[in-house]
Amino acid sequence: LGERTARLRALIADRADGQGVPVS
């Protein structure tokens, strides 16, 4: 479960970085 959450958090962070916005 921790690995899954970490993977999804990374995807969320990558999308936010790509848009130049904070995680929301």
PDB file of all heavy atoms in Angstrom:
ATOM      1  N   LEU A   1       0.824  -1.194   0.000  1.00  0.00           N
ATOM      2  CA  LEU A   1       0.000   0.000   0.000  1.00  0.00           C
ATOM      3  C   LEU A   1       0.863   1.250   0.000  1.00  0.00           C
ATOM      4  O   LEU A   1       0.584   2.216  -0.700  1.00  0.00           O
ATOM      5  CB  LEU A   1      -0.925  -0.006   1.216  1.00  0.00           C
ATOM      6  CG  LEU A   1      -1.862   1.193   1.366  1.00  0.00           C
ATOM      7  CD1 LEU A   1      -2.788   1.295   0.161  1.00  0.00           C
ATOM      8  CD2 LEU A   1      -2.660   1.072   2.649  1.00  0.00           C
ATOM      9  N   GLY A   2       1.966   1.218   0.804  1.00  0.00           N
ATOM     10  CA  GLY A   2       2.854   2.361   0.827  1.00  0.00           C
ATOM     11  C   GLY A   2       3.516   2.606  -0.510  1.00  0.00           C
ATOM     12  O   GLY A   2       3.686   3.755  -0.923  1.00  0.00           O
ATOM     13  N   GLU A   3       3.867   1.529  -1.195  1.00  0.00           N
ATOM     14  CA  GLU A   3       4.485   1.671  -2.504  1.00  0.00           C
ATOM     15  C   GLU A   3       3.506   2.262  -3.513  1.00  0.00           C
ATOM     16  O   GLU A   3       3.868   3.106  -4.337  1.00  0.00           O
ATOM     17  CB  GLU A   3       4.979   0.304  -2.993  1.00  0.00           C
ATOM     18  CG  GLU A   3       6.128  -0.269  -2.179  1.00  0.00           C
ATOM     19  CD  GLU A   3       6.529  -1.657  -2.649  1.00  0.00           C
ATOM     20  OE1 GLU A   3       5.922  -2.134  -3.635  1.00  0.00           O
ATOM     21  OE2 GLU A   3       7.426  -2.244  -2.047  1.00  0.00           O
ATOM     22  N   ARG A   4       2.273   1.813  -3.450  1.00  0.00           N
ATOM     23  CA  ARG A   4       1.265   2.352  -4.368  1.00  0.00           C
ATOM     24  C   ARG A   4       1.049   3.843  -4.123  1.00  0.00           C
ATOM     25  O   ARG A   4       1.012   4.638  -5.055  1.00  0.00           O
ATOM     26  CB  ARG A   4      -0.061   1.598  -4.202  1.00  0.00           C
ATOM     27  CG  ARG A   4      -1.142   2.029  -5.217  1.00  0.00           C
ATOM     28  CD  ARG A   4      -2.449   1.291  -4.970  1.00  0.00           C
ATOM     29  NE  ARG A   4      -2.266  -0.135  -5.024  1.00  0.00           N
ATOM     30  CZ  ARG A   4      -2.241  -0.856  -6.136  1.00  0.00           C
ATOM     31  NH1 ARG A   4      -2.387  -0.240  -7.315  1.00  0.00           N
ATOM     32  NH2 ARG A   4      -2.066  -2.167  -6.098  1.00  0.00           N
ATOM     33  N   THR A   5       0.902   4.194  -2.853  1.00  0.00           N
ATOM     34  CA  THR A   5       0.688   5.601  -2.526  1.00  0.00           C
ATOM     35  C   THR A   5       1.864   6.461  -2.958  1.00  0.00           C
ATOM     36  O   THR A   5       1.688   7.556  -3.503  1.00  0.00           O
ATOM     37  CB  THR A   5       0.448   5.758  -1.015  1.00  0.00           C
ATOM     38  OG1 THR A   5      -0.711   5.006  -0.639  1.00  0.00           O
ATOM     39  CG2 THR A   5       0.230   7.210  -0.644  1.00  0.00           C
ATOM     40  N   ALA A   6       3.070   5.954  -2.744  1.00  0.00           N
ATOM     41  CA  ALA A   6       4.261   6.700  -3.150  1.00  0.00           C
ATOM     42  C   ALA A   6       4.286   6.890  -4.670  1.00  0.00           C
ATOM     43  O   ALA A   6       4.643   7.967  -5.167  1.00  0.00           O
ATOM     44  CB  ALA A   6       5.521   5.979  -2.676  1.00  0.00           C
ATOM     45  N   ARG A   7       3.917   5.837  -5.405  1.00  0.00           N
ATOM     46  CA  ARG A   7       3.897   5.933  -6.876  1.00  0.00           C
ATOM     47  C   ARG A   7       2.882   6.974  -7.339  1.00  0.00           C
ATOM     48  O   ARG A   7       3.171   7.792  -8.223  1.00  0.00           O
ATOM     49  CB  ARG A   7       3.556   4.565  -7.473  1.00  0.00           C
ATOM     50  CG  ARG A   7       3.365   4.586  -8.994  1.00  0.00           C
ATOM     51  CD  ARG A   7       3.196   3.188  -9.551  1.00  0.00           C
ATOM     52  NE  ARG A   7       2.056   2.514  -8.983  1.00  0.00           N
ATOM     53  CZ  ARG A   7       0.799   2.663  -9.432  1.00  0.00           C
ATOM     54  NH1 ARG A   7       0.555   3.506 -10.431  1.00  0.00           N
ATOM     55  NH2 ARG A   7      -0.195   1.986  -8.895  1.00  0.00           N
ATOM     56  N   LEU A   8       1.699   6.968  -6.737  1.00  0.00           N
ATOM     57  CA  LEU A   8       0.665   7.911  -7.142  1.00  0.00           C
ATOM     58  C   LEU A   8       1.038   9.335  -6.739  1.00  0.00           C
ATOM     59  O   LEU A   8       0.762  10.290  -7.483  1.00  0.00           O
ATOM     60  CB  LEU A   8      -0.678   7.509  -6.535  1.00  0.00           C
ATOM     61  CG  LEU A   8      -1.215   6.141  -6.979  1.00  0.00           C
ATOM     62  CD1 LEU A   8      -2.561   5.855  -6.331  1.00  0.00           C
ATOM     63  CD2 LEU A   8      -1.310   6.045  -8.491  1.00  0.00           C
ATOM     64  N   ARG A   9       1.658   9.480  -5.575  1.00  0.00           N
ATOM     65  CA  ARG A   9       2.124  10.811  -5.168  1.00  0.00           C
ATOM     66  C   ARG A   9       3.125  11.355  -6.184  1.00  0.00           C
ATOM     67  O   ARG A   9       3.114  12.555  -6.511  1.00  0.00           O
ATOM     68  CB  ARG A   9       2.775  10.745  -3.797  1.00  0.00           C
ATOM     69  CG  ARG A   9       1.816  10.641  -2.626  1.00  0.00           C
ATOM     70  CD  ARG A   9       2.623  10.683  -1.321  1.00  0.00           C
ATOM     71  NE  ARG A   9       1.792  10.485  -0.164  1.00  0.00           N
ATOM     72  CZ  ARG A   9       1.066  11.427   0.429  1.00  0.00           C
ATOM     73  NH1 ARG A   9       1.076  12.657  -0.088  1.00  0.00           N
ATOM     74  NH2 ARG A   9       0.345  11.163   1.490  1.00  0.00           N
ATOM     75  N   ALA A  10       4.011  10.483  -6.675  1.00  0.00           N
ATOM     76  CA  ALA A  10       5.008  10.918  -7.657  1.00  0.00           C
ATOM     77  C   ALA A  10       4.332  11.361  -8.946  1.00  0.00           C
ATOM     78  O   ALA A  10       4.728  12.359  -9.563  1.00  0.00           O
ATOM     79  CB  ALA A  10       6.005   9.797  -7.923  1.00  0.00           C
ATOM     80  N   LEU A  11       3.289  10.632  -9.370  1.00  0.00           N
ATOM     81  CA  LEU A  11       2.557  11.013 -10.580  1.00  0.00           C
ATOM     82  C   LEU A  11       1.875  12.366 -10.400  1.00  0.00           C
ATOM     83  O   LEU A  11       1.866  13.196 -11.314  1.00  0.00           O
ATOM     84  CB  LEU A  11       1.514   9.944 -10.920  1.00  0.00           C
ATOM     85  CG  LEU A  11       2.051   8.587 -11.378  1.00  0.00           C
ATOM     86  CD1 LEU A  11       0.889   7.608 -11.565  1.00  0.00           C
ATOM     87  CD2 LEU A  11       2.848   8.726 -12.667  1.00  0.00           C
ATOM     88  N   ILE A  12       1.301  12.574  -9.225  1.00  0.00           N
ATOM     89  CA  ILE A  12       0.646  13.855  -8.937  1.00  0.00           C
ATOM     90  C   ILE A  12       1.664  14.992  -8.952  1.00  0.00           C
ATOM     91  O   ILE A  12       1.426  16.056  -9.548  1.00  0.00           O
ATOM     92  CB  ILE A  12      -0.075  13.784  -7.577  1.00  0.00           C
ATOM     93  CG1 ILE A  12      -1.258  12.805  -7.648  1.00  0.00           C
ATOM     94  CG2 ILE A  12      -0.557  15.165  -7.140  1.00  0.00           C
ATOM     95  CD1 ILE A  12      -1.847  12.451  -6.296  1.00  0.00           C
ATOM     96  N   ALA A  13       2.806  14.769  -8.319  1.00  0.00           N
ATOM     97  CA  ALA A  13       3.845  15.796  -8.277  1.00  0.00           C
ATOM     98  C   ALA A  13       4.375  16.103  -9.671  1.00  0.00           C
ATOM     99  O   ALA A  13       4.614  17.276 -10.016  1.00  0.00           O
ATOM    100  CB  ALA A  13       4.983  15.345  -7.357  1.00  0.00           C
ATOM    101  N   ASP A  14       4.563  15.069 -10.496  1.00  0.00           N
ATOM    102  CA  ASP A  14       5.043  15.275 -11.864  1.00  0.00           C
ATOM    103  C   ASP A  14       4.051  16.115 -12.672  1.00  0.00           C
ATOM    104  O   ASP A  14       4.452  17.007 -13.433  1.00  0.00           O
ATOM    105  CB  ASP A  14       5.264  13.933 -12.560  1.00  0.00           C
ATOM    106  CG  ASP A  14       6.503  13.213 -12.048  1.00  0.00           C
ATOM    107  OD1 ASP A  14       7.325  13.856 -11.368  1.00  0.00           O
ATOM    108  OD2 ASP A  14       6.636  11.999 -12.319  1.00  0.00           O
ATOM    109  N   ARG A  15       2.759  15.823 -12.513  1.00  0.00           N
ATOM    110  CA  ARG A  15       1.751  16.595 -13.248  1.00  0.00           C
ATOM    111  C   ARG A  15       1.743  18.053 -12.786  1.00  0.00           C
ATOM    112  O   ARG A  15       1.659  18.971 -13.606  1.00  0.00           O
ATOM    113  CB  ARG A  15       0.376  15.964 -13.075  1.00  0.00           C
ATOM    114  CG  ARG A  15      -0.753  16.713 -13.786  1.00  0.00           C
ATOM    115  CD  ARG A  15      -2.056  15.934 -13.713  1.00  0.00           C
ATOM    116  NE  ARG A  15      -2.005  14.753 -14.537  1.00  0.00           N
ATOM    117  CZ  ARG A  15      -2.399  14.710 -15.808  1.00  0.00           C
ATOM    118  NH1 ARG A  15      -2.868  15.792 -16.396  1.00  0.00           N
ATOM    119  NH2 ARG A  15      -2.320  13.597 -16.495  1.00  0.00           N
ATOM    120  N   ALA A  16       1.832  18.258 -11.489  1.00  0.00           N
ATOM    121  CA  ALA A  16       1.857  19.633 -10.974  1.00  0.00           C
ATOM    122  C   ALA A  16       3.092  20.376 -11.484  1.00  0.00           C
ATOM    123  O   ALA A  16       2.994  21.535 -11.910  1.00  0.00           O
ATOM    124  CB  ALA A  16       1.834  19.614  -9.447  1.00  0.00           C
ATOM    125  N   ASP A  17       4.251  19.704 -11.456  1.00  0.00           N
ATOM    126  CA  ASP A  17       5.483  20.331 -11.950  1.00  0.00           C
ATOM    127  C   ASP A  17       5.355  20.670 -13.426  1.00  0.00           C
ATOM    128  O   ASP A  17       5.800  21.740 -13.876  1.00  0.00           O
ATOM    129  CB  ASP A  17       6.675  19.398 -11.733  1.00  0.00           C
ATOM    130  CG  ASP A  17       7.081  19.303 -10.273  1.00  0.00           C
ATOM    131  OD1 ASP A  17       6.663  20.174  -9.484  1.00  0.00           O
ATOM    132  OD2 ASP A  17       7.801  18.344  -9.928  1.00  0.00           O
ATOM    133  N   GLY A  18       4.755  19.762 -14.207  1.00  0.00           N
ATOM    134  CA  GLY A  18       4.600  19.998 -15.633  1.00  0.00           C
ATOM    135  C   GLY A  18       3.702  21.182 -15.940  1.00  0.00           C
ATOM    136  O   GLY A  18       3.865  21.850 -16.969  1.00  0.00           O
ATOM    137  N   GLN A  19       2.754  21.438 -15.060  1.00  0.00           N
ATOM    138  CA  GLN A  19       1.856  22.577 -15.248  1.00  0.00           C
ATOM    139  C   GLN A  19       2.380  23.845 -14.582  1.00  0.00           C
ATOM    140  O   GLN A  19       1.807  24.919 -14.752  1.00  0.00           O
ATOM    141  CB  GLN A  19       0.466  22.240 -14.694  1.00  0.00           C
ATOM    142  CG  GLN A  19      -0.221  21.088 -15.400  1.00  0.00           C
ATOM    143  CD  GLN A  19      -1.562  20.732 -14.774  1.00  0.00           C
ATOM    144  OE1 GLN A  19      -2.020  21.381 -13.829  1.00  0.00           O
ATOM    145  NE2 GLN A  19      -2.207  19.705 -15.298  1.00  0.00           N
ATOM    146  N   GLY A  20       3.457  23.692 -13.786  1.00  0.00           N
ATOM    147  CA  GLY A  20       4.006  24.842 -13.086  1.00  0.00           C
ATOM    148  C   GLY A  20       3.095  25.353 -11.983  1.00  0.00           C
ATOM    149  O   GLY A  20       3.048  26.553 -11.722  1.00  0.00           O
ATOM    150  N   VAL A  21       2.369  24.430 -11.329  1.00  0.00           N
ATOM    151  CA  VAL A  21       1.435  24.823 -10.269  1.00  0.00           C
ATOM    152  C   VAL A  21       1.693  23.964  -9.035  1.00  0.00           C
ATOM    153  O   VAL A  21       2.302  22.888  -9.120  1.00  0.00           O
ATOM    154  CB  VAL A  21      -0.035  24.636 -10.720  1.00  0.00           C
ATOM    155  CG1 VAL A  21      -0.338  25.538 -11.915  1.00  0.00           C
ATOM    156  CG2 VAL A  21      -0.326  23.177 -11.053  1.00  0.00           C
ATOM    157  N   PRO A  22       1.240  24.400  -7.871  1.00  0.00           N
ATOM    158  CA  PRO A  22       1.362  23.555  -6.679  1.00  0.00           C
ATOM    159  C   PRO A  22       0.421  22.355  -6.779  1.00  0.00           C
ATOM    160  O   PRO A  22      -0.548  22.363  -7.547  1.00  0.00           O
ATOM    161  CB  PRO A  22       0.936  24.490  -5.530  1.00  0.00           C
ATOM    162  CG  PRO A  22       0.898  25.859  -6.100  1.00  0.00           C
ATOM    163  CD  PRO A  22       0.653  25.722  -7.558  1.00  0.00           C
ATOM    164  N   VAL A  23       0.705  21.344  -6.003  1.00  0.00           N
ATOM    165  CA  VAL A  23      -0.206  20.213  -5.904  1.00  0.00           C
ATOM    166  C   VAL A  23      -1.528  20.704  -5.317  1.00  0.00           C
ATOM    167  O   VAL A  23      -1.547  21.424  -4.323  1.00  0.00           O
ATOM    168  CB  VAL A  23       0.391  19.102  -5.019  1.00  0.00           C
ATOM    169  CG1 VAL A  23      -0.654  18.020  -4.733  1.00  0.00           C
ATOM    170  CG2 VAL A  23       1.601  18.480  -5.704  1.00  0.00           C
ATOM    171  N   SER A  24      -2.626  20.352  -5.953  1.00  0.00           N
ATOM    172  CA  SER A  24      -3.944  20.784  -5.513  1.00  0.00           C
ATOM    173  C   SER A  24      -4.934  19.654  -5.741  1.00  0.00           C
ATOM    174  O   SER A  24      -4.610  18.625  -6.360  1.00  0.00           O
ATOM    175  CB  SER A  24      -4.395  22.025  -6.293  1.00  0.00           C
ATOM    176  OG  SER A  24      -4.587  21.689  -7.664  1.00  0.00           O
TER     177      SER A  24
END
